[in-house]
PDB file of N, CA and C in Angstrom:
ATOM      1  N   UNK A   1      16.217 -10.441  -4.587  1.00  0.00           N
ATOM      2  CA  UNK A   1      15.061 -10.442  -5.438  1.00  0.00           C
ATOM      3  C   UNK A   1      14.340 -11.796  -5.398  1.00  0.00           C
ATOM      4  N   UNK A   2      13.065 -11.798  -5.427  1.00  0.00           N
ATOM      5  CA  UNK A   2      12.337 -12.966  -5.337  1.00  0.00           C
ATOM      6  C   UNK A   2      11.984 -13.678  -6.711  1.00  0.00           C
ATOM      7  N   UNK A   3      11.181 -14.638  -6.685  1.00  0.00           N
ATOM      8  CA  UNK A   3      10.880 -15.353  -7.937  1.00  0.00           C
ATOM      9  C   UNK A   3       9.342 -15.146  -8.231  1.00  0.00           C
ATOM     10  N   UNK A   4       9.059 -14.563  -9.403  1.00  0.00           N
ATOM     11  CA  UNK A   4       7.492 -14.259  -9.651  1.00  0.00           C
ATOM     12  C   UNK A   4       6.979 -15.515 -10.331  1.00  0.00           C
ATOM     13  N   UNK A   5       5.726 -15.862  -9.773  1.00  0.00           N
ATOM     14  CA  UNK A   5       4.953 -16.870 -10.307  1.00  0.00           C
ATOM     15  C   UNK A   5       3.680 -16.376 -11.009  1.00  0.00           C
ATOM     16  N   UNK A   6       3.337 -17.093 -12.167  1.00  0.00           N
ATOM     17  CA  UNK A   6       1.941 -16.790 -12.768  1.00  0.00           C
ATOM     18  C   UNK A   6       0.993 -17.721 -12.239  1.00  0.00           C
ATOM     19  N   UNK A   7      -0.160 -17.114 -11.848  1.00  0.00           N
ATOM     20  CA  UNK A   7      -1.230 -17.932 -11.376  1.00  0.00           C
ATOM     21  C   UNK A   7      -2.483 -17.711 -12.231  1.00  0.00           C
ATOM     22  N   UNK A   8      -2.993 -18.804 -12.955  1.00  0.00           N
ATOM     23  CA  UNK A   8      -3.970 -18.645 -13.863  1.00  0.00           C
ATOM     24  C   UNK A   8      -5.257 -19.451 -13.453  1.00  0.00           C
ATOM     25  N   UNK A   9      -6.436 -19.251 -14.094  1.00  0.00           N
ATOM     26  CA  UNK A   9      -7.630 -19.932 -14.005  1.00  0.00           C
ATOM     27  C   UNK A   9      -8.184 -19.638 -12.603  1.00  0.00           C
ATOM     28  N   UNK A  10      -7.886 -18.453 -12.212  1.00  0.00           N
ATOM     29  CA  UNK A  10      -8.464 -17.987 -10.721  1.00  0.00           C
ATOM     30  C   UNK A  10      -9.914 -17.755 -10.886  1.00  0.00           C
ATOM     31  N   UNK A  11     -10.627 -18.101  -9.707  1.00  0.00           N
ATOM     32  CA  UNK A  11     -12.109 -17.666  -9.636  1.00  0.00           C
ATOM     33  C   UNK A  11     -12.090 -16.257  -9.650  1.00  0.00           C
ATOM     34  N   UNK A  12     -13.129 -15.753 -10.257  1.00  0.00           N
ATOM     35  CA  UNK A  12     -13.389 -14.161 -10.459  1.00  0.00           C
ATOM     36  C   UNK A  12     -13.582 -13.648  -9.022  1.00  0.00           C
ATOM     37  N   UNK A  13     -14.067 -14.507  -8.090  1.00  0.00           N
ATOM     38  CA  UNK A  13     -14.276 -13.940  -6.744  1.00  0.00           C
ATOM     39  C   UNK A  13     -13.048 -13.995  -5.832  1.00  0.00           C
ATOM     40  N   UNK A  14     -12.028 -14.573  -6.320  1.00  0.00           N
ATOM     41  CA  UNK A  14     -10.805 -14.578  -5.446  1.00  0.00           C
ATOM     42  C   UNK A  14     -10.189 -13.213  -5.147  1.00  0.00           C
ATOM     43  N   UNK A  15      -9.662 -12.931  -4.037  1.00  0.00           N
ATOM     44  CA  UNK A  15      -9.040 -11.757  -3.676  1.00  0.00           C
ATOM     45  C   UNK A  15      -7.510 -11.869  -3.495  1.00  0.00           C
ATOM     46  N   UNK A  16      -6.842 -10.827  -3.586  1.00  0.00           N
ATOM     47  CA  UNK A  16      -5.425 -10.838  -3.275  1.00  0.00           C
ATOM     48  C   UNK A  16      -5.017 -11.461  -1.939  1.00  0.00           C
ATOM     49  N   UNK A  17      -5.887 -11.335  -1.043  1.00  0.00           N
ATOM     50  CA  UNK A  17      -5.715 -11.788   0.435  1.00  0.00           C
ATOM     51  C   UNK A  17      -5.978 -13.350   0.265  1.00  0.00           C
ATOM     52  N   UNK A  18      -6.858 -13.835  -0.530  1.00  0.00           N
ATOM     53  CA  UNK A  18      -7.103 -15.335  -0.661  1.00  0.00           C
ATOM     54  C   UNK A  18      -5.732 -15.936  -1.276  1.00  0.00           C
ATOM     55  N   UNK A  19      -5.231 -15.296  -2.292  1.00  0.00           N
ATOM     56  CA  UNK A  19      -3.982 -15.808  -2.966  1.00  0.00           C
ATOM     57  C   UNK A  19      -2.882 -15.860  -1.941  1.00  0.00           C
ATOM     58  N   UNK A  20      -2.689 -14.729  -1.250  1.00  0.00           N
ATOM     59  CA  UNK A  20      -1.553 -14.646  -0.254  1.00  0.00           C
ATOM     60  C   UNK A  20      -1.640 -15.773   0.801  1.00  0.00           C
ATOM     61  N   UNK A  21      -2.833 -16.003   1.329  1.00  0.00           N
ATOM     62  CA  UNK A  21      -2.973 -16.938   2.379  1.00  0.00           C
ATOM     63  C   UNK A  21      -2.699 -18.326   1.786  1.00  0.00           C
ATOM     64  N   UNK A  22      -3.150 -18.662   0.577  1.00  0.00           N
ATOM     65  CA  UNK A  22      -2.944 -19.884  -0.046  1.00  0.00           C
ATOM     66  C   UNK A  22      -1.451 -20.165  -0.241  1.00  0.00           C
ATOM     67  N   UNK A  23      -0.711 -19.192  -0.647  1.00  0.00           N
ATOM     68  CA  UNK A  23       0.708 -19.270  -0.996  1.00  0.00           C
ATOM     69  C   UNK A  23       1.733 -19.218   0.160  1.00  0.00           C
ATOM     70  N   UNK A  24       1.168 -18.498   1.329  1.00  0.00           N
ATOM     71  CA  UNK A  24       2.114 -18.368   2.461  1.00  0.00           C
ATOM     72  C   UNK A  24       2.607 -19.639   3.084  1.00  0.00           C
ATOM     73  N   UNK A  25       1.918 -20.721   2.942  1.00  0.00           N
ATOM     74  CA  UNK A  25       2.264 -22.053   3.535  1.00  0.00           C
ATOM     75  C   UNK A  25       3.550 -22.574   2.889  1.00  0.00           C
ATOM     76  N   UNK A  26       3.996 -21.865   1.773  1.00  0.00           N
ATOM     77  CA  UNK A  26       5.187 -22.435   1.096  1.00  0.00           C
ATOM     78  C   UNK A  26       6.301 -21.458   1.304  1.00  0.00           C
ATOM     79  N   UNK A  27       6.030 -20.425   1.989  1.00  0.00           N
ATOM     80  CA  UNK A  27       7.146 -19.407   2.201  1.00  0.00           C
ATOM     81  C   UNK A  27       6.593 -17.983   2.350  1.00  0.00           C
ATOM     82  N   UNK A  28       7.537 -16.957   2.392  1.00  0.00           N
ATOM     83  CA  UNK A  28       7.155 -15.602   2.377  1.00  0.00           C
ATOM     84  C   UNK A  28       6.697 -15.100   1.032  1.00  0.00           C
ATOM     85  N   UNK A  29       5.407 -14.512   1.059  1.00  0.00           N
ATOM     86  CA  UNK A  29       4.929 -13.821  -0.093  1.00  0.00           C
ATOM     87  C   UNK A  29       5.334 -12.364  -0.168  1.00  0.00           C
ATOM     88  N   UNK A  30       6.133 -11.903  -1.025  1.00  0.00           N
ATOM     89  CA  UNK A  30       6.625 -10.676  -1.169  1.00  0.00           C
ATOM     90  C   UNK A  30       5.488  -9.686  -1.722  1.00  0.00           C
ATOM     91  N   UNK A  31       4.898 -10.207  -2.908  1.00  0.00           N
ATOM     92  CA  UNK A  31       3.914  -9.432  -3.492  1.00  0.00           C
ATOM     93  C   UNK A  31       2.835 -10.291  -3.908  1.00  0.00           C
ATOM     94  N   UNK A  32       1.689  -9.745  -4.221  1.00  0.00           N
ATOM     95  CA  UNK A  32       0.557 -10.466  -4.768  1.00  0.00           C
ATOM     96  C   UNK A  32      -0.365  -9.445  -5.583  1.00  0.00           C
ATOM     97  N   UNK A  33      -0.657  -9.816  -6.815  1.00  0.00           N
ATOM     98  CA  UNK A  33      -1.473  -8.916  -7.758  1.00  0.00           C
ATOM     99  C   UNK A  33      -2.399  -9.835  -8.437  1.00  0.00           C
ATOM    100  N   UNK A  34      -3.748  -9.484  -8.360  1.00  0.00           N
ATOM    101  CA  UNK A  34      -4.696 -10.038  -9.428  1.00  0.00           C
ATOM    102  C   UNK A  34      -4.922  -9.035 -10.478  1.00  0.00           C
ATOM    103  N   UNK A  35      -4.973  -9.426 -11.627  1.00  0.00           N
ATOM    104  CA  UNK A  35      -4.861  -8.377 -12.749  1.00  0.00           C
ATOM    105  C   UNK A  35      -6.470  -8.129 -12.969  1.00  0.00           C
ATOM    106  N   UNK A  36      -6.795  -6.846 -13.033  1.00  0.00           N
ATOM    107  CA  UNK A  36      -8.030  -6.373 -13.193  1.00  0.00           C
ATOM    108  C   UNK A  36      -8.369  -5.745 -14.463  1.00  0.00           C
ATOM    109  N   UNK A  37      -9.514  -5.898 -15.099  1.00  0.00           N
ATOM    110  CA  UNK A  37      -9.775  -5.313 -16.348  1.00  0.00           C
ATOM    111  C   UNK A  37     -10.052  -3.806 -16.126  1.00  0.00           C
ATOM    112  N   UNK A  38      -9.448  -2.949 -16.961  1.00  0.00           N
ATOM    113  CA  UNK A  38      -9.720  -1.451 -16.668  1.00  0.00           C
ATOM    114  C   UNK A  38     -11.112  -1.132 -16.938  1.00  0.00           C
ATOM    115  N   UNK A  39     -11.801  -1.652 -17.978  1.00  0.00           N
ATOM    116  CA  UNK A  39     -13.157  -1.235 -18.302  1.00  0.00           C
ATOM    117  C   UNK A  39     -14.263  -1.617 -17.355  1.00  0.00           C
ATOM    118  N   UNK A  40     -14.077  -2.949 -16.987  1.00  0.00           N
ATOM    119  CA  UNK A  40     -15.234  -3.576 -16.266  1.00  0.00           C
ATOM    120  C   UNK A  40     -14.858  -3.525 -14.631  1.00  0.00           C
ATOM    121  N   UNK A  41     -13.636  -3.426 -14.325  1.00  0.00           N
ATOM    122  CA  UNK A  41     -13.206  -3.521 -13.066  1.00  0.00           C
ATOM    123  C   UNK A  41     -13.224  -4.831 -12.455  1.00  0.00           C
ATOM    124  N   UNK A  42     -13.456  -5.964 -13.160  1.00  0.00           N
ATOM    125  CA  UNK A  42     -13.508  -7.361 -12.809  1.00  0.00           C
ATOM    126  C   UNK A  42     -12.178  -7.941 -12.997  1.00  0.00           C
ATOM    127  N   UNK A  43     -11.921  -8.988 -12.219  1.00  0.00           N
ATOM    128  CA  UNK A  43     -10.739  -9.804 -12.282  1.00  0.00           C
ATOM    129  C   UNK A  43     -10.723 -10.389 -13.752  1.00  0.00           C
ATOM    130  N   UNK A  44      -9.471 -10.542 -14.178  1.00  0.00           N
ATOM    131  CA  UNK A  44      -9.260 -11.074 -15.590  1.00  0.00           C
ATOM    132  C   UNK A  44      -9.001 -12.691 -15.405  1.00  0.00           C
ATOM    133  N   UNK A  45      -8.915 -13.118 -14.149  1.00  0.00           N
ATOM    134  CA  UNK A  45      -8.797 -14.493 -13.948  1.00  0.00           C
ATOM    135  C   UNK A  45      -7.372 -14.922 -13.677  1.00  0.00           C
ATOM    136  N   UNK A  46      -6.478 -14.039 -13.611  1.00  0.00           N
ATOM    137  CA  UNK A  46      -5.094 -14.366 -13.513  1.00  0.00           C
ATOM    138  C   UNK A  46      -4.296 -13.344 -12.627  1.00  0.00           C
ATOM    139  N   UNK A  47      -3.246 -13.760 -12.041  1.00  0.00           N
ATOM    140  CA  UNK A  47      -2.522 -12.884 -11.338  1.00  0.00           C
ATOM    141  C   UNK A  47      -0.973 -13.395 -11.152  1.00  0.00           C
ATOM    142  N   UNK A  48      -0.272 -12.602 -10.228  1.00  0.00           N
ATOM    143  CA  UNK A  48       1.163 -12.951  -9.958  1.00  0.00           C
ATOM    144  C   UNK A  48       1.411 -12.914  -8.630  1.00  0.00           C
ATOM    145  N   UNK A  49       2.347 -13.846  -8.126  1.00  0.00           N
ATOM    146  CA  UNK A  49       2.845 -13.959  -6.779  1.00  0.00           C
ATOM    147  C   UNK A  49       4.276 -13.904  -6.759  1.00  0.00           C
ATOM    148  N   UNK A  50       4.837 -13.032  -5.835  1.00  0.00           N
ATOM    149  CA  UNK A  50       6.323 -13.120  -5.829  1.00  0.00           C
ATOM    150  C   UNK A  50       6.694 -13.790  -4.535  1.00  0.00           C
ATOM    151  N   UNK A  51       7.426 -14.757  -4.607  1.00  0.00           N
ATOM    152  CA  UNK A  51       7.928 -15.455  -3.422  1.00  0.00           C
ATOM    153  C   UNK A  51       9.339 -15.055  -3.115  1.00  0.00           C
ATOM    154  N   UNK A  52       9.763 -15.125  -1.856  1.00  0.00           N
ATOM    155  CA  UNK A  52      11.123 -14.669  -1.336  1.00  0.00           C
ATOM    156  C   UNK A  52      12.225 -15.235  -1.980  1.00  0.00           C
ATOM    157  N   UNK A  53      12.157 -16.530  -2.269  1.00  0.00           N
ATOM    158  CA  UNK A  53      13.332 -17.379  -2.792  1.00  0.00           C
ATOM    159  C   UNK A  53      12.943 -18.331  -3.878  1.00  0.00           C
ATOM    160  N   UNK A  54      13.939 -18.763  -4.619  1.00  0.00           N
ATOM    161  CA  UNK A  54      13.666 -19.682  -5.688  1.00  0.00           C
ATOM    162  C   UNK A  54      13.084 -20.956  -5.113  1.00  0.00           C
ATOM    163  N   UNK A  55      13.688 -21.606  -4.000  1.00  0.00           N
ATOM    164  CA  UNK A  55      13.187 -22.692  -3.348  1.00  0.00           C
ATOM    165  C   UNK A  55      11.602 -22.658  -2.951  1.00  0.00           C
ATOM    166  N   UNK A  56      11.271 -21.486  -2.276  1.00  0.00           N
ATOM    167  CA  UNK A  56       9.956 -21.265  -2.067  1.00  0.00           C
ATOM    168  C   UNK A  56       9.094 -21.284  -3.092  1.00  0.00           C
ATOM    169  N   UNK A  57       9.483 -20.709  -4.318  1.00  0.00           N
ATOM    170  CA  UNK A  57       8.724 -20.597  -5.601  1.00  0.00           C
ATOM    171  C   UNK A  57       8.501 -21.989  -6.178  1.00  0.00           C
ATOM    172  N   UNK A  58       9.662 -22.751  -6.157  1.00  0.00           N
ATOM    173  CA  UNK A  58       9.585 -24.226  -6.646  1.00  0.00           C
ATOM    174  C   UNK A  58       8.625 -25.105  -5.840  1.00  0.00           C
ATOM    175  N   UNK A  59       8.590 -24.973  -4.494  1.00  0.00           N
ATOM    176  CA  UNK A  59       7.734 -25.593  -3.729  1.00  0.00           C
ATOM    177  C   UNK A  59       6.183 -25.139  -3.823  1.00  0.00           C
ATOM    178  N   UNK A  60       6.019 -23.913  -4.053  1.00  0.00           N
ATOM    179  CA  UNK A  60       4.704 -23.304  -4.417  1.00  0.00           C
ATOM    180  C   UNK A  60       4.206 -23.849  -5.721  1.00  0.00           C
ATOM    181  N   UNK A  61       5.010 -23.954  -6.788  1.00  0.00           N
ATOM    182  CA  UNK A  61       4.460 -24.426  -7.987  1.00  0.00           C
ATOM    183  C   UNK A  61       4.122 -25.922  -7.790  1.00  0.00           C
ATOM    184  N   UNK A  62       5.024 -26.756  -7.262  1.00  0.00           N
ATOM    185  CA  UNK A  62       4.780 -28.070  -6.874  1.00  0.00           C
ATOM    186  C   UNK A  62       3.528 -28.327  -6.162  1.00  0.00           C
ATOM    187  N   UNK A  63       3.252 -27.491  -5.231  1.00  0.00           N
ATOM    188  CA  UNK A  63       2.146 -27.729  -4.236  1.00  0.00           C
ATOM    189  C   UNK A  63       0.799 -27.064  -4.789  1.00  0.00           C
ATOM    190  N   UNK A  64       0.897 -26.138  -5.556  1.00  0.00           N
ATOM    191  CA  UNK A  64      -0.426 -25.260  -5.940  1.00  0.00           C
ATOM    192  C   UNK A  64      -0.835 -25.579  -7.412  1.00  0.00           C
ATOM    193  N   UNK A  65       0.041 -25.933  -8.306  1.00  0.00           N
ATOM    194  CA  UNK A  65      -0.382 -26.220  -9.671  1.00  0.00           C
ATOM    195  C   UNK A  65      -1.365 -27.311  -9.664  1.00  0.00           C
ATOM    196  N   UNK A  66      -2.582 -26.993 -10.234  1.00  0.00           N
ATOM    197  CA  UNK A  66      -3.723 -27.914 -10.355  1.00  0.00           C
ATOM    198  C   UNK A  66      -4.365 -27.925  -8.994  1.00  0.00           C
ATOM    199  N   UNK A  67      -4.103 -27.119  -7.894  1.00  0.00           N
ATOM    200  CA  UNK A  67      -4.812 -27.219  -6.577  1.00  0.00           C
ATOM    201  C   UNK A  67      -6.113 -26.436  -6.741  1.00  0.00           C
ATOM    202  N   UNK A  68      -7.057 -26.850  -5.957  1.00  0.00           N
ATOM    203  CA  UNK A  68      -8.314 -26.162  -5.878  1.00  0.00           C
ATOM    204  C   UNK A  68      -8.263 -24.926  -5.095  1.00  0.00           C
ATOM    205  N   UNK A  69      -8.837 -23.815  -5.662  1.00  0.00           N
ATOM    206  CA  UNK A  69      -9.000 -22.539  -4.915  1.00  0.00           C
ATOM    207  C   UNK A  69     -10.378 -21.986  -5.337  1.00  0.00           C
ATOM    208  N   UNK A  70     -11.210 -22.009  -4.260  1.00  0.00           N
ATOM    209  CA  UNK A  70     -12.576 -21.535  -4.427  1.00  0.00           C
ATOM    210  C   UNK A  70     -13.364 -22.259  -5.483  1.00  0.00           C
ATOM    211  N   UNK A  71     -13.159 -23.574  -5.754  1.00  0.00           N
ATOM    212  CA  UNK A  71     -14.001 -24.357  -6.632  1.00  0.00           C
ATOM    213  C   UNK A  71     -13.215 -24.499  -7.994  1.00  0.00           C
ATOM    214  N   UNK A  72     -12.088 -23.882  -8.153  1.00  0.00           N
ATOM    215  CA  UNK A  72     -11.480 -23.963  -9.490  1.00  0.00           C
ATOM    216  C   UNK A  72     -10.012 -24.465  -9.310  1.00  0.00           C
ATOM    217  N   UNK A  73      -9.589 -25.262 -10.257  1.00  0.00           N
ATOM    218  CA  UNK A  73      -8.250 -25.733 -10.309  1.00  0.00           C
ATOM    219  C   UNK A  73      -7.334 -24.719 -10.929  1.00  0.00           C
ATOM    220  N   UNK A  74      -6.511 -24.211 -10.187  1.00  0.00           N
ATOM    221  CA  UNK A  74      -5.678 -23.071 -10.760  1.00  0.00           C
ATOM    222  C   UNK A  74      -4.402 -23.657 -11.353  1.00  0.00           C
ATOM    223  N   UNK A  75      -3.780 -22.794 -12.192  1.00  0.00           N
ATOM    224  CA  UNK A  75      -2.638 -23.178 -12.887  1.00  0.00           C
ATOM    225  C   UNK A  75      -1.418 -22.266 -12.432  1.00  0.00           C
ATOM    226  N   UNK A  76      -0.326 -22.850 -11.914  1.00  0.00           N
ATOM    227  CA  UNK A  76       0.754 -22.049 -11.435  1.00  0.00           C
ATOM    228  C   UNK A  76       1.992 -22.422 -12.117  1.00  0.00           C
ATOM    229  N   UNK A  77       2.666 -21.454 -12.612  1.00  0.00           N
ATOM    230  CA  UNK A  77       4.120 -21.760 -13.108  1.00  0.00           C
ATOM    231  C   UNK A  77       4.947 -20.470 -12.895  1.00  0.00           C
ATOM    232  N   UNK A  78       6.161 -20.734 -13.217  1.00  0.00           N
ATOM    233  CA  UNK A  78       7.150 -19.546 -13.108  1.00  0.00           C
ATOM    234  C   UNK A  78       6.821 -18.552 -14.130  1.00  0.00           C
ATOM    235  N   UNK A  79       6.722 -17.263 -13.803  1.00  0.00           N
ATOM    236  CA  UNK A  79       6.408 -16.207 -14.777  1.00  0.00           C
ATOM    237  C   UNK A  79       7.466 -15.966 -15.724  1.00  0.00           C
ATOM    238  N   UNK A  80       7.085 -15.694 -16.980  1.00  0.00           N
ATOM    239  CA  UNK A  80       8.077 -15.269 -17.992  1.00  0.00           C
ATOM    240  C   UNK A  80       8.430 -13.903 -17.671  1.00  0.00           C
ATOM    241  N   UNK A  81       9.601 -13.479 -18.127  1.00  0.00           N
ATOM    242  CA  UNK A  81      10.114 -12.091 -18.023  1.00  0.00           C
ATOM    243  C   UNK A  81       9.117 -11.144 -18.830  1.00  0.00           C
ATOM    244  N   UNK A  82       8.956  -9.930 -18.228  1.00  0.00           N
ATOM    245  CA  UNK A  82       8.042  -9.050 -18.696  1.00  0.00           C
ATOM    246  C   UNK A  82       8.547  -8.583 -20.152  1.00  0.00           C
ATOM    247  N   UNK A  83       7.656  -8.328 -21.090  1.00  0.00           N
ATOM    248  CA  UNK A  83       8.024  -7.781 -22.536  1.00  0.00           C
ATOM    249  C   UNK A  83       8.282  -6.277 -22.314  1.00  0.00           C
ATOM    250  N   UNK A  84       9.332  -5.878 -23.033  1.00  0.00           N
ATOM    251  CA  UNK A  84       9.543  -4.412 -23.006  1.00  0.00           C
ATOM    252  C   UNK A  84       8.535  -3.841 -23.799  1.00  0.00           C
ATOM    253  N   UNK A  85       8.045  -2.653 -23.294  1.00  0.00           N
ATOM    254  CA  UNK A  85       6.976  -1.904 -23.885  1.00  0.00           C
ATOM    255  C   UNK A  85       7.687  -0.791 -24.784  1.00  0.00           C
ATOM    256  N   UNK A  86       7.090  -0.689 -26.012  1.00  0.00           N
ATOM    257  CA  UNK A  86       7.710   0.236 -26.978  1.00  0.00           C
ATOM    258  C   UNK A  86       7.091   1.579 -26.937  1.00  0.00           C
ATOM    259  N   UNK A  87       5.934   1.717 -26.334  1.00  0.00           N
ATOM    260  CA  UNK A  87       5.308   3.019 -26.052  1.00  0.00           C
ATOM    261  C   UNK A  87       4.842   3.764 -27.330  1.00  0.00           C
ATOM    262  N   UNK A  88       3.750   3.151 -28.013  1.00  0.00           N
ATOM    263  CA  UNK A  88       3.213   3.909 -29.012  1.00  0.00           C
ATOM    264  C   UNK A  88       3.542   3.306 -30.452  1.00  0.00           C
ATOM    265  N   UNK A  89       3.069   4.030 -31.372  1.00  0.00           N
ATOM    266  CA  UNK A  89       3.219   3.754 -32.796  1.00  0.00           C
ATOM    267  C   UNK A  89       4.661   3.721 -33.313  1.00  0.00           C
ATOM    268  N   UNK A  90       5.046   2.820 -34.032  1.00  0.00           N
ATOM    269  CA  UNK A  90       6.363   2.764 -34.548  1.00  0.00           C
ATOM    270  C   UNK A  90       6.313   3.154 -36.053  1.00  0.00           C
ATOM    271  N   UNK A  91       5.245   3.842 -36.511  1.00  0.00           N
ATOM    272  CA  UNK A  91       5.081   4.218 -38.011  1.00  0.00           C
ATOM    273  C   UNK A  91       6.130   5.262 -38.352  1.00  0.00           C
ATOM    274  N   UNK A  92       6.638   5.237 -39.485  1.00  0.00           N
ATOM    275  CA  UNK A  92       7.550   6.224 -39.972  1.00  0.00           C
ATOM    276  C   UNK A  92       6.705   7.258 -40.771  1.00  0.00           C
ATOM    277  N   UNK A  93       6.614   8.547 -40.299  1.00  0.00           N
ATOM    278  CA  UNK A  93       5.758   9.647 -40.954  1.00  0.00           C
ATOM    279  C   UNK A  93       6.531  10.533 -41.898  1.00  0.00           C
ATOM    280  N   UNK A  94       7.795   9.993 -42.148  1.00  0.00           N
ATOM    281  CA  UNK A  94       8.731  10.872 -42.884  1.00  0.00           C
ATOM    282  C   UNK A  94       8.466  10.621 -44.341  1.00  0.00           C
TER     283      UNK A  94
END
């Protein structure tokens, strides 16, 4: 299993291919996702990269945090674990 990285402050014009190319110099990119707003269809300005190993992820954070991508300095850090979804209202109707 790889290591997920959070990538923030992305330019709205950035594509998943742009991200993948930028991070591939640090190792194998297993997955790359830019988060899209459901209503507008536009990028929310952040995404996630999964690197093949912890060493590659560490090198990517060191090399890409505050680096310029399409005119913006991006923020890169190790992603926090996903929050567990509860799936709806927890209201007691009884």
